[in-house]
Amino acid sequence: MKQIIECVPNYSEGRDHKIIDSIVAAIKEASADGEKVKVLDVDPGEATNRTVVTFVGTPEAVLEAAFQGAKKAQELIDMRLHHGAHPRSGATDVLPLIPVANISLEECAVLARGLAERLYKELGIPCYCYEAAAFKPERKNLAVCRAGEYEALPNKIADPAQKPDFGPAEYNEVVAKAGATNVGARNFLIAVNYNLNTTSTRRAMAIAFDVREKGRKAREGGSLTGKLLKDADGNQIWIPGTLKGCKAIGWYIDEYGIAQVSMNITDISAVPLHVAYEEVCRAAAARGLKVTGVEIVGLVPKSVLIDAGKFYLAKQQRSLGITEEEIIKIAVKSMSLDDLKPFNPKEKVIEYLMEDEDDLAKRERLVRMTVKGFARETASESAAPGGGSISANMGALGAALATMVANLSAHKRGWDDRWKEFSDVAEKGQAVMEELLALIDEDTAAFDRIMDCFSMPKGTEEEKAARAAALEEATLYAAQVPLRTMEASLKALPLALEMAQKGNPASASDAGVAALAAVAGIRGAQLNVRINAAGLKDQAAAAPLLARAEAIVKEAQAIETQVLNAVNNNINL
């Protein structure tokens, strides 16, 4: 699965839009292995003389875009002339990497350190590493790294205890112009507001004190007006709140006419959104109040809503093996994310914003068709979609039927204590189905690659050799794709067997059809493996594909027999 990280660099320029536009253009134009980042937001501030840019992409693309943005900022911004209300130490002041999908904070920390080293080695920009990327414990705090701001750099570089993690031995012209950059890795931060059925700011603040990590000041007798309590050293004593890493305050919103608890969740792995929501609801109820809805400020990773949706489905003892869209819908409704205004996941979820709709439409041309349209396209005089795509479709339908039986069984009256057993099967079935749906279009794309090879020039010996090599590579790929269809379809058969043996007896025939469809997909895909493998000049590469395909067929037929026996036993009762 594709790894996605977010980068939120802060540049020390918020007034000259030509400079800002040039930096953003450098970010957008940067690429790594053909991948580019997607810029989600550009937020310049005149008073702070600072611009915050938010972009996302694969780790390689983000690192390259971050480097090119810093390079352009170094070129265009002179820190000797910079003044603004916000603390700063360099033209590119902070450069945090944030895990979004399929990558850990620890991995981002390693990437951040590598980026900092590259900025110094190639551009001469001194760098401090902060938060998860910090080399020294005290430098986890950004304020420590940026202490004294730009003006303190000459002294800090000369001081062994304060010198940058990557930087020159002495202050120089490069540093004088560019300053120092703070490169870090941190968890994704969610800014969220909890709407309350009150107009009282004081009560909203009390709830914020209850839940935020910092908590509230301890007072004599535990009252709101009692004397403040201090320790033996004269320091204020605090009573911590219940949510680690969360910051919160209460306020009144004129626009909505309600009070809110406004919160920053700084570590969504420790405190997921739904956990924070439940705790704020508990604290509000303890004070006679109710959370009427949630307002997410900015963007969130998809996992935040998926995790929430699954949490509420589990509370309802409902199957988690449903589509991503339905899971997110459950999350939206459970936390009333659409309380004050419509909530559109396509506008709030980072992964969805990254999708290029035109590119997605091309990659999903077949699966986006209606059943009628797909059948008619197959029946046309075009050679694609052909047997490989149809085989993948058959496998997907087999996985879908096994999933359906699992979901029906999870919801069967009298089987409430078994909902988790069937939910687990349904989740596996959903994953197999999605894998096979993607292979429908991929198989046709593999065929198109072969067709493209035939249009390559062949006038010279070099062109002939290049054409032959491309054709061999495309043919091998065209044999590998249906083998993947076979592997995926095989994963649907144990699910069908389990449902035939343990699922809702009223759906036994559906489990049987699931097995038949999966085996049809496997047998059909095997023909495509064989016909493409036969076209390979390198038969040594073909042999393992053919052997694996034959083994899958034998395994599939054995499971199919077991499924049909179980189905027939159910039907004949």
Protein backbone atom coordinates (compact mmCIF):
# COMPACT_ATOMS: atom_id res chain seq x y z
CA MET A 1 0.00 0.00 0.00
CA LYS A 2 1.21 3.48 -0.84
CA GLN A 3 2.91 5.42 1.93
CA ILE A 4 1.74 9.02 2.38
CA ILE A 5 3.29 11.77 4.46
CA GLU A 6 2.39 15.41 4.95
CA CYS A 7 4.80 18.31 5.10
CA VAL A 8 3.92 21.72 6.56
CA PRO A 9 6.89 24.06 5.99
CA ASN A 10 6.79 27.62 7.33
CA TYR A 11 8.62 30.19 5.20
CA SER A 12 9.72 33.59 6.47
CA GLU A 13 7.82 35.58 3.88
CA GLY A 14 4.14 36.47 4.10
CA ARG A 15 3.88 39.74 2.18
CA ASP A 16 5.58 39.40 -1.19
CA HIS A 17 3.29 37.13 -3.19
CA LYS A 18 5.76 36.79 -6.04
CA ILE A 19 8.23 35.14 -3.67
CA ILE A 20 5.50 32.98 -2.12
CA ASP A 21 4.25 31.89 -5.56
CA SER A 22 7.80 31.02 -6.65
CA ILE A 23 8.36 28.82 -3.61
CA VAL A 24 5.02 27.05 -4.09
CA ALA A 25 5.79 26.53 -7.79
CA ALA A 26 9.12 24.91 -6.88
CA ILE A 27 7.26 22.55 -4.54
CA LYS A 28 4.66 21.65 -7.17
CA GLU A 29 7.22 21.08 -9.93
CA ALA A 30 9.52 18.83 -7.89
CA SER A 31 9.24 15.11 -8.60
CA ALA A 32 10.81 11.81 -7.54
CA ASP A 33 10.39 8.62 -9.58
CA GLY A 34 7.70 10.38 -11.60
CA GLU A 35 5.67 11.24 -8.48
CA LYS A 36 4.74 14.78 -7.50
CA VAL A 37 3.20 16.15 -4.33
CA LYS A 38 -0.21 17.74 -4.06
CA VAL A 39 -0.33 21.19 -2.45
CA LEU A 40 -3.41 21.33 -0.24
CA ASP A 41 -3.12 24.79 1.28
CA VAL A 42 -1.08 28.02 1.13
CA ASP A 43 -1.67 30.38 4.07
CA PRO A 44 0.32 33.67 4.07
CA GLY A 45 0.25 36.00 7.08
CA GLU A 46 1.11 39.66 6.70
CA ALA A 47 1.58 40.49 10.38
CA THR A 48 3.72 37.42 10.99
CA ASN A 49 5.47 37.84 7.61
CA ARG A 50 5.25 34.08 7.33
CA THR A 51 3.60 31.58 4.99
CA VAL A 52 2.49 28.06 5.90
CA VAL A 53 2.29 25.60 3.00
CA THR A 54 0.68 22.17 3.33
CA PHE A 55 1.45 19.42 0.84
CA VAL A 56 1.22 15.63 0.77
CA GLY A 57 2.58 12.75 -1.27
CA THR A 58 4.83 9.72 -1.22
CA PRO A 59 7.88 10.02 1.04
CA GLU A 60 10.27 10.37 -1.92
CA ALA A 61 8.15 13.07 -3.57
CA VAL A 62 7.65 14.99 -0.32
CA LEU A 63 11.36 14.96 0.50
CA GLU A 64 12.24 16.29 -2.95
CA ALA A 65 9.53 18.95 -2.83
CA ALA A 66 10.63 20.02 0.66
CA PHE A 67 14.23 20.31 -0.53
CA GLN A 68 13.30 22.32 -3.63
CA GLY A 69 11.04 24.61 -1.60
CA ALA A 70 13.88 25.31 0.84
CA LYS A 71 16.28 25.88 -2.03
CA LYS A 72 13.97 28.45 -3.61
CA ALA A 73 13.39 30.13 -0.23
CA GLN A 74 17.15 30.36 0.29
CA GLU A 75 17.46 32.01 -3.12
CA LEU A 76 14.67 34.58 -2.64
CA ILE A 77 14.54 35.39 1.10
CA ASP A 78 17.22 37.38 2.90
CA MET A 79 16.89 36.91 6.65
CA ARG A 80 18.98 40.01 7.29
CA LEU A 81 15.98 42.03 6.09
CA HIS A 82 13.22 39.97 7.71
CA HIS A 83 10.90 41.25 10.42
CA GLY A 84 7.64 39.72 11.64
CA ALA A 85 5.56 38.95 14.71
CA HIS A 86 6.26 35.22 14.72
CA PRO A 87 9.43 33.60 16.11
CA ARG A 88 11.75 32.47 13.29
CA SER A 89 15.31 31.35 12.66
CA GLY A 90 15.52 30.88 8.91
CA ALA A 91 14.11 31.48 5.44
CA THR A 92 12.60 28.01 5.75
CA ASP A 93 11.91 28.17 9.45
CA VAL A 94 10.30 24.82 10.26
CA LEU A 95 10.03 21.73 8.09
CA PRO A 96 7.99 18.98 9.80
CA LEU A 97 7.23 15.58 8.26
CA ILE A 98 3.97 13.99 9.41
CA PRO A 99 2.85 10.37 8.87
CA VAL A 100 -0.53 10.08 7.17
CA ALA A 101 -0.87 6.53 5.81
CA ASN A 102 1.14 3.28 5.98
CA ILE A 103 4.22 4.89 7.53
CA SER A 104 5.29 5.32 11.15
CA LEU A 105 6.47 8.38 13.05
CA GLU A 106 9.81 6.65 13.57
CA GLU A 107 10.22 6.23 9.81
CA CYS A 108 9.40 9.91 9.29
CA ALA A 109 12.03 10.82 11.90
CA VAL A 110 14.69 8.96 9.90
CA LEU A 111 13.56 10.75 6.73
CA ALA A 112 13.65 14.13 8.52
CA ARG A 113 17.23 13.60 9.65
CA GLY A 114 18.24 12.66 6.13
CA LEU A 115 16.55 15.77 4.76
CA ALA A 116 18.33 17.97 7.30
CA GLU A 117 21.68 16.47 6.35
CA ARG A 118 20.99 17.03 2.65
CA LEU A 119 19.96 20.67 3.20
CA TYR A 120 23.30 21.34 4.84
CA LYS A 121 25.49 19.29 2.51
CA GLU A 122 23.99 20.60 -0.74
CA LEU A 123 22.80 24.08 0.22
CA GLY A 124 24.90 24.95 3.26
CA ILE A 125 21.79 25.60 5.38
CA PRO A 126 22.40 24.70 9.05
CA CYS A 127 19.68 22.48 10.49
CA TYR A 128 18.35 21.57 13.91
CA CYS A 129 16.34 18.34 14.26
CA TYR A 130 13.34 18.56 16.58
CA GLU A 131 10.47 16.50 18.05
CA ALA A 132 10.68 12.83 16.98
CA ALA A 133 13.75 13.56 14.81
CA ALA A 134 15.73 15.15 17.66
CA PHE A 135 19.22 13.81 18.34
CA LYS A 136 19.18 15.36 21.84
CA PRO A 137 16.25 15.02 24.29
CA GLU A 138 16.04 18.74 24.95
CA ARG A 139 15.71 19.45 21.23
CA LYS A 140 12.40 17.63 21.02
CA ASN A 141 11.03 21.05 21.96
CA LEU A 142 11.05 23.35 18.93
CA ALA A 143 11.42 26.37 21.20
CA VAL A 144 14.79 25.05 22.38
CA CYS A 145 16.04 24.68 18.81
CA ARG A 146 14.81 28.16 17.88
CA ALA A 147 15.96 29.88 21.09
CA GLY A 148 17.21 33.38 20.39
CA GLU A 149 15.80 33.17 16.85
CA TYR A 150 17.77 34.24 13.79
CA GLU A 151 19.70 36.91 15.64
CA ALA A 152 21.29 34.36 18.02
CA LEU A 153 22.78 32.16 15.27
CA PRO A 154 26.34 33.59 15.32
CA ASN A 155 26.70 32.75 19.02
CA LYS A 156 24.89 29.41 18.79
CA ILE A 157 27.06 28.14 15.94
CA ALA A 158 30.16 29.01 17.95
CA ASP A 159 28.85 27.24 21.07
CA PRO A 160 29.40 23.43 21.04
CA ALA A 161 26.31 22.96 23.22
CA GLN A 162 24.03 24.98 20.93
CA LYS A 163 25.47 24.37 17.46
CA PRO A 164 23.15 22.88 14.82
CA ASP A 165 22.90 19.13 14.29
CA PHE A 166 24.13 19.75 10.76
CA GLY A 167 26.01 22.97 10.18
CA PRO A 168 29.28 24.85 9.62
CA ALA A 169 32.03 25.33 12.14
CA GLU A 170 31.54 29.09 12.00
CA TYR A 171 29.02 31.72 10.96
CA ASN A 172 29.23 32.53 7.24
CA GLU A 173 27.47 34.41 4.43
CA VAL A 174 25.19 31.47 3.58
CA VAL A 175 23.92 31.35 7.15
CA ALA A 176 23.63 35.12 7.32
CA LYS A 177 21.25 35.12 4.37
CA ALA A 178 19.32 31.85 4.85
CA GLY A 179 19.41 31.46 8.62
CA ALA A 180 18.83 27.99 10.09
CA THR A 181 16.05 25.48 9.40
CA ASN A 182 14.35 23.31 12.01
CA VAL A 183 13.55 19.91 10.49
CA GLY A 184 11.34 17.57 12.47
CA ALA A 185 8.86 14.73 12.52
CA ARG A 186 5.65 14.84 14.48
CA ASN A 187 2.33 13.10 14.62
CA PHE A 188 -0.68 14.41 12.78
CA LEU A 189 -2.54 17.06 14.76
CA ILE A 190 -6.32 17.25 14.63
CA ALA A 191 -8.02 20.53 15.44
CA VAL A 192 -11.60 19.79 16.50
CA ASN A 193 -14.47 21.67 18.11
CA TYR A 194 -17.18 19.99 20.19
CA ASN A 195 -20.54 21.75 19.98
CA LEU A 196 -22.47 21.99 23.25
CA ASN A 197 -26.13 22.56 24.04
CA THR A 198 -25.26 25.63 26.07
CA THR A 199 -24.21 29.22 25.59
CA SER A 200 -22.06 29.22 28.76
CA THR A 201 -18.37 29.75 28.10
CA ARG A 202 -17.63 28.98 31.76
CA ARG A 203 -19.22 25.54 31.52
CA ALA A 204 -17.45 24.84 28.23
CA MET A 205 -14.16 25.81 29.85
CA ALA A 206 -14.87 23.51 32.80
CA ILE A 207 -15.27 20.57 30.42
CA ALA A 208 -12.03 21.57 28.68
CA PHE A 209 -10.25 21.55 32.06
CA ASP A 210 -11.69 18.09 32.78
CA VAL A 211 -10.27 16.49 29.64
CA ARG A 212 -7.16 18.37 28.54
CA GLU A 213 -3.83 16.89 29.61
CA LYS A 214 -2.77 20.06 31.46
CA GLY A 215 -5.99 19.97 33.47
CA ARG A 216 -6.79 22.75 35.91
CA LYS A 217 -5.15 24.58 38.79
CA ALA A 218 -5.65 22.86 42.13
CA ARG A 219 -7.63 24.86 44.67
CA GLU A 220 -8.30 24.44 48.33
CA GLY A 221 -11.29 22.22 48.97
CA GLY A 222 -11.57 21.43 45.27
CA SER A 223 -13.83 24.45 44.75
CA LEU A 224 -13.72 26.85 41.81
CA THR A 225 -13.01 29.84 44.03
CA GLY A 226 -10.80 28.30 46.74
CA LYS A 227 -7.23 29.35 47.37
CA LEU A 228 -4.71 28.18 44.79
CA LEU A 229 -2.56 25.31 46.05
CA LYS A 230 1.22 25.31 45.67
CA ASP A 231 3.91 22.73 46.39
CA ALA A 232 6.81 23.06 48.83
CA ASP A 233 8.83 24.98 46.24
CA GLY A 234 6.04 27.46 45.66
CA ASN A 235 5.01 26.07 42.27
CA GLN A 236 1.37 25.91 41.27
CA ILE A 237 -0.16 22.42 41.65
CA TRP A 238 -2.18 21.21 38.67
CA ILE A 239 -4.84 18.50 38.51
CA PRO A 240 -4.29 16.75 35.15
CA GLY A 241 -7.12 16.02 32.76
CA THR A 242 -8.02 12.67 31.24
CA LEU A 243 -6.75 12.94 27.66
CA LYS A 244 -3.02 12.66 27.09
CA GLY A 245 -1.52 15.05 24.56
CA CYS A 246 -4.73 17.06 24.19
CA LYS A 247 -5.01 20.82 24.56
CA ALA A 248 -8.42 22.41 25.02
CA ILE A 249 -10.28 25.58 25.88
CA GLY A 250 -13.94 26.61 26.03
CA TRP A 251 -15.38 29.49 24.06
CA TYR A 252 -18.58 30.98 22.65
CA ILE A 253 -19.13 31.16 18.87
CA ASP A 254 -21.26 34.13 17.80
CA GLU A 255 -21.77 32.65 14.32
CA TYR A 256 -23.47 29.54 15.70
CA GLY A 257 -24.85 30.94 18.96
CA ILE A 258 -23.38 28.06 21.00
CA ALA A 259 -20.45 27.30 23.26
CA GLN A 260 -17.76 24.88 22.14
CA VAL A 261 -14.85 22.94 23.56
CA SER A 262 -12.01 23.63 21.14
CA MET A 263 -9.30 20.95 21.15
CA ASN A 264 -6.00 20.07 19.53
CA ILE A 265 -5.29 16.32 19.55
CA THR A 266 -1.52 16.15 19.16
CA ASP A 267 -1.13 12.36 19.01
CA ILE A 268 -3.96 10.58 17.23
CA SER A 269 -2.33 7.20 17.80
CA ALA A 270 -2.57 7.71 21.57
CA VAL A 271 -5.94 9.47 21.53
CA PRO A 272 -7.99 8.80 18.38
CA LEU A 273 -10.75 11.26 17.52
CA HIS A 274 -13.56 8.93 18.61
CA VAL A 275 -11.89 8.35 22.00
CA ALA A 276 -11.64 12.10 22.57
CA TYR A 277 -15.26 12.53 21.47
CA GLU A 278 -16.49 9.88 23.89
CA GLU A 279 -14.53 11.43 26.76
CA VAL A 280 -15.81 14.96 26.06
CA CYS A 281 -19.35 13.52 25.90
CA ARG A 282 -18.80 11.87 29.30
CA ALA A 283 -17.41 15.05 30.85
CA ALA A 284 -20.27 17.12 29.40
CA ALA A 285 -22.91 14.67 30.69
CA ALA A 286 -21.36 14.81 34.16
CA ARG A 287 -22.10 18.55 34.11
CA GLY A 288 -25.63 18.16 32.76
CA LEU A 289 -24.66 19.07 29.21
CA LYS A 290 -24.63 17.30 25.85
CA VAL A 291 -22.26 17.28 22.89
CA THR A 292 -24.49 17.92 19.89
CA GLY A 293 -21.85 17.51 17.20
CA VAL A 294 -18.23 17.78 16.13
CA GLU A 295 -16.55 20.22 13.79
CA ILE A 296 -13.19 19.12 12.33
CA VAL A 297 -11.02 22.12 11.47
CA GLY A 298 -8.83 21.44 8.44
CA LEU A 299 -8.03 17.98 7.13
CA VAL A 300 -7.73 14.47 8.55
CA PRO A 301 -6.17 11.20 7.40
CA LYS A 302 -8.73 8.63 6.22
CA SER A 303 -7.73 6.27 9.03
CA VAL A 304 -9.20 8.70 11.59
CA LEU A 305 -12.70 8.23 10.19
CA ILE A 306 -12.26 4.53 9.40
CA ASP A 307 -11.16 3.82 12.98
CA ALA A 308 -14.09 5.82 14.34
CA GLY A 309 -16.60 4.09 12.06
CA LYS A 310 -15.33 0.66 13.10
CA PHE A 311 -15.45 1.64 16.77
CA TYR A 312 -19.13 2.57 16.53
CA LEU A 313 -20.01 -0.47 14.43
CA ALA A 314 -18.40 -2.68 17.09
CA LYS A 315 -20.39 -0.87 19.81
CA GLN A 316 -23.53 -1.73 17.86
CA GLN A 317 -22.31 -5.32 17.39
CA ARG A 318 -22.55 -4.83 13.64
CA SER A 319 -20.23 -6.28 11.02
CA LEU A 320 -17.17 -4.24 10.11
CA GLY A 321 -17.00 -5.94 6.72
CA ILE A 322 -18.72 -3.19 4.79
CA THR A 323 -17.44 -0.67 2.25
CA GLU A 324 -15.11 2.17 3.15
CA GLU A 325 -17.81 4.68 2.22
CA GLU A 326 -20.31 3.08 4.59
CA ILE A 327 -17.80 2.93 7.45
CA ILE A 328 -17.06 6.64 7.05
CA LYS A 329 -20.79 7.38 6.93
CA ILE A 330 -21.19 5.62 10.29
CA ALA A 331 -18.37 7.78 11.71
CA VAL A 332 -19.95 10.99 10.41
CA LYS A 333 -23.36 10.14 11.85
CA SER A 334 -22.06 8.75 15.15
CA MET A 335 -20.15 11.92 15.98
CA SER A 336 -22.58 14.28 14.22
CA LEU A 337 -19.82 15.71 12.05
CA ASP A 338 -22.59 17.25 9.94
CA ASP A 339 -24.28 19.00 12.88
CA LEU A 340 -23.59 22.58 11.83
CA LYS A 341 -22.91 22.15 8.11
CA PRO A 342 -22.59 19.31 5.59
CA PHE A 343 -19.53 17.10 5.96
CA ASN A 344 -18.05 16.00 2.65
CA PRO A 345 -15.25 13.41 3.06
CA LYS A 346 -13.96 14.28 -0.41
CA GLU A 347 -13.13 17.75 0.90
CA LYS A 348 -11.86 16.78 4.36
CA VAL A 349 -9.87 13.54 3.92
CA ILE A 350 -6.26 13.91 2.79
CA GLU A 351 -6.16 10.72 0.72
CA TYR A 352 -9.28 11.74 -1.21
CA LEU A 353 -7.89 15.20 -1.88
CA MET A 354 -4.74 13.60 -3.29
CA GLU A 355 -6.69 11.67 -5.90
CA ASP A 356 -6.58 13.00 -9.43
CA GLU A 357 -10.11 12.38 -10.66
CA ASP A 358 -9.13 12.22 -14.33
CA ASP A 359 -6.34 9.76 -13.62
CA LEU A 360 -8.60 7.72 -11.36
CA ALA A 361 -11.30 7.59 -14.03
CA LYS A 362 -8.78 6.21 -16.52
CA ARG A 363 -7.50 3.57 -14.09
CA GLU A 364 -11.03 2.56 -13.09
CA ARG A 365 -12.68 2.78 -16.51
CA LEU A 366 -14.24 -0.69 -16.34
CA VAL A 367 -15.21 -0.92 -12.67
CA ARG A 368 -17.03 2.40 -12.91
CA MET A 369 -19.34 1.02 -15.60
CA THR A 370 -22.84 -0.26 -14.91
CA VAL A 371 -23.36 -4.01 -15.11
CA LYS A 372 -25.13 -3.47 -18.44
CA GLY A 373 -22.36 -1.20 -19.72
CA PHE A 374 -19.64 -3.65 -18.73
CA ALA A 375 -21.42 -6.54 -20.45
CA ARG A 376 -21.96 -4.53 -23.61
CA GLU A 377 -18.36 -3.31 -23.65
CA THR A 378 -17.21 -6.91 -23.32
CA ALA A 379 -19.49 -8.00 -26.16
CA SER A 380 -18.19 -5.30 -28.52
CA GLU A 381 -15.64 -5.89 -31.27
CA SER A 382 -12.87 -4.50 -29.04
CA ALA A 383 -10.43 -7.15 -27.75
CA ALA A 384 -10.51 -5.67 -24.26
CA PRO A 385 -11.95 -6.22 -21.74
CA GLY A 386 -11.32 -9.89 -22.34
CA GLY A 387 -11.10 -13.12 -20.44
CA GLY A 388 -8.60 -11.81 -17.88
CA SER A 389 -10.82 -8.93 -16.77
CA ILE A 390 -13.89 -11.16 -16.76
CA SER A 391 -12.01 -13.68 -14.60
CA ALA A 392 -11.11 -10.96 -12.11
CA ASN A 393 -14.74 -9.86 -12.10
CA MET A 394 -15.88 -13.42 -11.40
CA GLY A 395 -13.43 -13.68 -8.52
CA ALA A 396 -14.62 -10.34 -7.12
CA LEU A 397 -18.23 -11.51 -7.24
CA GLY A 398 -17.26 -14.71 -5.46
CA ALA A 399 -15.57 -12.72 -2.68
CA ALA A 400 -18.57 -10.36 -2.55
CA LEU A 401 -21.02 -13.25 -2.10
CA ALA A 402 -18.96 -14.81 0.69
CA THR A 403 -18.87 -11.38 2.34
CA MET A 404 -22.64 -11.02 1.97
CA VAL A 405 -23.27 -14.34 3.73
CA ALA A 406 -20.92 -13.27 6.55
CA ASN A 407 -22.72 -9.94 6.96
CA LEU A 408 -26.15 -11.61 6.95
CA SER A 409 -24.93 -14.12 9.52
CA ALA A 410 -23.52 -11.36 11.73
CA HIS A 411 -26.96 -9.73 11.77
CA LYS A 412 -29.01 -12.92 12.17
CA ARG A 413 -31.49 -12.86 15.03
CA GLY A 414 -30.34 -15.08 17.90
CA TRP A 415 -26.69 -15.05 16.77
CA ASP A 416 -25.80 -11.75 18.45
CA ASP A 417 -22.98 -13.36 20.44
CA ARG A 418 -21.35 -14.48 17.17
CA TRP A 419 -21.29 -11.11 15.40
CA LYS A 420 -17.49 -10.72 15.76
CA GLU A 421 -16.86 -14.17 14.25
CA PHE A 422 -18.75 -13.26 11.10
CA SER A 423 -17.52 -9.66 11.05
CA ASP A 424 -13.93 -10.93 10.83
CA VAL A 425 -14.84 -13.04 7.78
CA ALA A 426 -16.65 -10.11 6.16
CA GLU A 427 -13.64 -7.83 6.63
CA LYS A 428 -11.39 -10.36 4.91
CA GLY A 429 -13.92 -10.74 2.11
CA GLN A 430 -14.12 -6.98 1.57
CA ALA A 431 -10.33 -6.80 1.22
CA VAL A 432 -10.25 -9.66 -1.30
CA MET A 433 -13.10 -8.14 -3.28
CA GLU A 434 -11.34 -4.75 -3.51
CA GLU A 435 -8.12 -6.44 -4.62
CA LEU A 436 -9.94 -8.26 -7.42
CA LEU A 437 -11.89 -5.18 -8.50
CA ALA A 438 -8.59 -3.39 -9.09
CA LEU A 439 -7.37 -6.34 -11.18
CA ILE A 440 -10.31 -5.98 -13.58
CA ASP A 441 -8.84 -2.80 -15.02
CA GLU A 442 -5.24 -3.85 -14.48
CA ASP A 443 -5.68 -6.91 -16.69
CA THR A 444 -6.98 -4.76 -19.53
CA ALA A 445 -4.12 -2.31 -18.96
CA ALA A 446 -1.69 -5.22 -19.27
CA PHE A 447 -3.21 -6.16 -22.63
CA ASP A 448 -2.96 -2.52 -23.76
CA ARG A 449 0.77 -2.54 -22.94
CA ILE A 450 1.29 -5.42 -25.34
CA MET A 451 -0.68 -3.60 -28.04
CA ASP A 452 1.44 -0.49 -27.52
CA CYS A 453 4.59 -2.52 -28.20
CA PHE A 454 3.35 -3.42 -31.68
CA SER A 455 3.17 0.27 -32.59
CA MET A 456 6.84 0.86 -31.65
CA PRO A 457 9.21 1.66 -34.55
CA LYS A 458 11.26 -1.20 -36.04
CA GLY A 459 13.22 0.46 -38.82
CA THR A 460 16.68 -0.11 -37.33
CA GLU A 461 18.32 -2.96 -35.48
CA GLU A 462 18.35 -0.86 -32.31
CA GLU A 463 14.62 -0.13 -32.67
CA LYS A 464 13.89 -3.79 -33.30
CA ALA A 465 15.83 -4.80 -30.19
CA ALA A 466 14.06 -2.18 -28.07
CA ARG A 467 10.69 -3.30 -29.43
CA ALA A 468 11.44 -6.95 -28.71
CA ALA A 469 12.59 -6.19 -25.17
CA ALA A 470 9.50 -4.09 -24.46
CA LEU A 471 7.24 -6.82 -25.85
CA GLU A 472 8.91 -9.50 -23.71
CA GLU A 473 8.51 -7.33 -20.59
CA ALA A 474 4.87 -6.53 -21.39
CA THR A 475 4.08 -10.20 -22.09
CA LEU A 476 5.61 -11.27 -18.78
CA TYR A 477 3.50 -8.65 -17.00
CA ALA A 478 0.41 -9.85 -18.86
CA ALA A 479 1.06 -13.35 -17.48
CA GLN A 480 1.73 -12.11 -13.95
CA VAL A 481 -1.51 -10.11 -13.62
CA PRO A 482 -3.89 -13.08 -14.13
CA LEU A 483 -1.74 -15.11 -11.75
CA ARG A 484 -2.43 -12.41 -9.15
CA THR A 485 -6.12 -12.81 -9.99
CA MET A 486 -5.77 -16.52 -9.26
CA GLU A 487 -4.02 -15.86 -5.95
CA ALA A 488 -6.65 -13.35 -4.86
CA SER A 489 -9.58 -15.53 -5.94
CA LEU A 490 -8.10 -18.44 -4.03
CA LYS A 491 -8.33 -16.33 -0.85
CA ALA A 492 -12.11 -16.11 -1.34
CA LEU A 493 -12.61 -19.89 -1.23
CA PRO A 494 -11.82 -20.54 2.47
CA LEU A 495 -14.26 -17.73 3.28
CA ALA A 496 -16.96 -19.38 1.18
CA LEU A 497 -16.23 -22.71 2.86
CA GLU A 498 -16.49 -21.23 6.34
CA MET A 499 -19.79 -19.60 5.45
CA ALA A 500 -21.13 -22.79 3.88
CA GLN A 501 -20.28 -24.70 7.06
CA LYS A 502 -21.08 -22.11 9.76
CA GLY A 503 -23.03 -19.27 8.15
CA ASN A 504 -26.73 -18.59 7.96
CA PRO A 505 -28.27 -21.81 6.55
CA ALA A 506 -30.76 -19.74 4.56
CA SER A 507 -27.79 -18.36 2.56
CA ALA A 508 -26.07 -21.70 1.94
CA SER A 509 -26.70 -21.52 -1.81
CA ASP A 510 -25.05 -18.08 -1.89
CA ALA A 511 -21.93 -19.55 -0.30
CA GLY A 512 -21.97 -22.24 -2.97
CA VAL A 513 -22.26 -19.71 -5.78
CA ALA A 514 -19.41 -17.75 -4.16
CA ALA A 515 -17.18 -20.81 -4.50
CA LEU A 516 -18.28 -21.51 -8.08
CA ALA A 517 -17.61 -17.88 -9.07
CA ALA A 518 -14.20 -17.86 -7.41
CA VAL A 519 -13.19 -21.11 -9.11
CA ALA A 520 -14.46 -19.79 -12.45
CA GLY A 521 -12.26 -16.76 -11.94
CA ILE A 522 -9.30 -19.00 -11.14
CA ARG A 523 -9.79 -21.32 -14.12
CA GLY A 524 -10.32 -18.39 -16.47
CA ALA A 525 -7.27 -16.54 -15.19
CA GLN A 526 -5.18 -19.70 -15.60
CA LEU A 527 -5.96 -19.70 -19.33
CA ASN A 528 -4.64 -16.15 -19.51
CA VAL A 529 -1.48 -17.10 -17.62
CA ARG A 530 -0.91 -19.94 -20.07
CA ILE A 531 -1.54 -18.01 -23.29
CA ASN A 532 0.73 -15.14 -22.24
CA ALA A 533 3.43 -17.42 -20.84
CA ALA A 534 3.46 -19.25 -24.18
CA GLY A 535 4.41 -15.96 -25.86
CA LEU A 536 7.52 -15.51 -23.75
CA LYS A 537 10.89 -16.18 -25.34
CA ASP A 538 12.33 -16.77 -21.89
CA GLN A 539 10.59 -20.00 -20.93
CA ALA A 540 12.62 -20.16 -17.73
CA ALA A 541 10.60 -17.15 -16.56
CA ALA A 542 7.36 -18.80 -17.69
CA ALA A 543 7.88 -22.12 -15.86
CA PRO A 544 7.29 -20.94 -12.25
CA LEU A 545 4.18 -18.99 -13.32
CA LEU A 546 2.68 -22.07 -14.95
CA ALA A 547 3.57 -24.30 -12.02
CA ARG A 548 2.02 -21.95 -9.48
CA ALA A 549 -1.12 -21.57 -11.61
CA GLU A 550 -1.57 -25.34 -11.78
CA ALA A 551 -1.11 -25.67 -8.01
CA ILE A 552 -3.73 -22.98 -7.36
CA VAL A 553 -6.27 -24.78 -9.57
CA LYS A 554 -5.79 -28.06 -7.69
CA GLU A 555 -6.13 -26.34 -4.31
CA ALA A 556 -9.19 -24.41 -5.47
CA GLN A 557 -10.95 -27.51 -6.80
CA ALA A 558 -10.39 -29.32 -3.50
CA ILE A 559 -11.96 -26.47 -1.52
CA GLU A 560 -14.80 -26.14 -4.06
CA THR A 561 -15.72 -29.78 -3.44
CA GLN A 562 -15.85 -29.18 0.31
CA VAL A 563 -18.02 -26.09 -0.17
CA LEU A 564 -20.51 -27.86 -2.41
CA ASN A 565 -20.71 -30.82 -0.03
CA ALA A 566 -21.52 -28.47 2.85
CA VAL A 567 -24.07 -26.58 0.74
CA ASN A 568 -25.78 -29.78 -0.38
CA ASN A 569 -25.96 -31.01 3.20
CA ASN A 570 -27.71 -27.76 4.15
CA ILE A 571 -30.12 -27.84 1.22
CA ASN A 572 -31.01 -31.51 1.72
CA LEU A 573 -31.88 -31.15 5.40
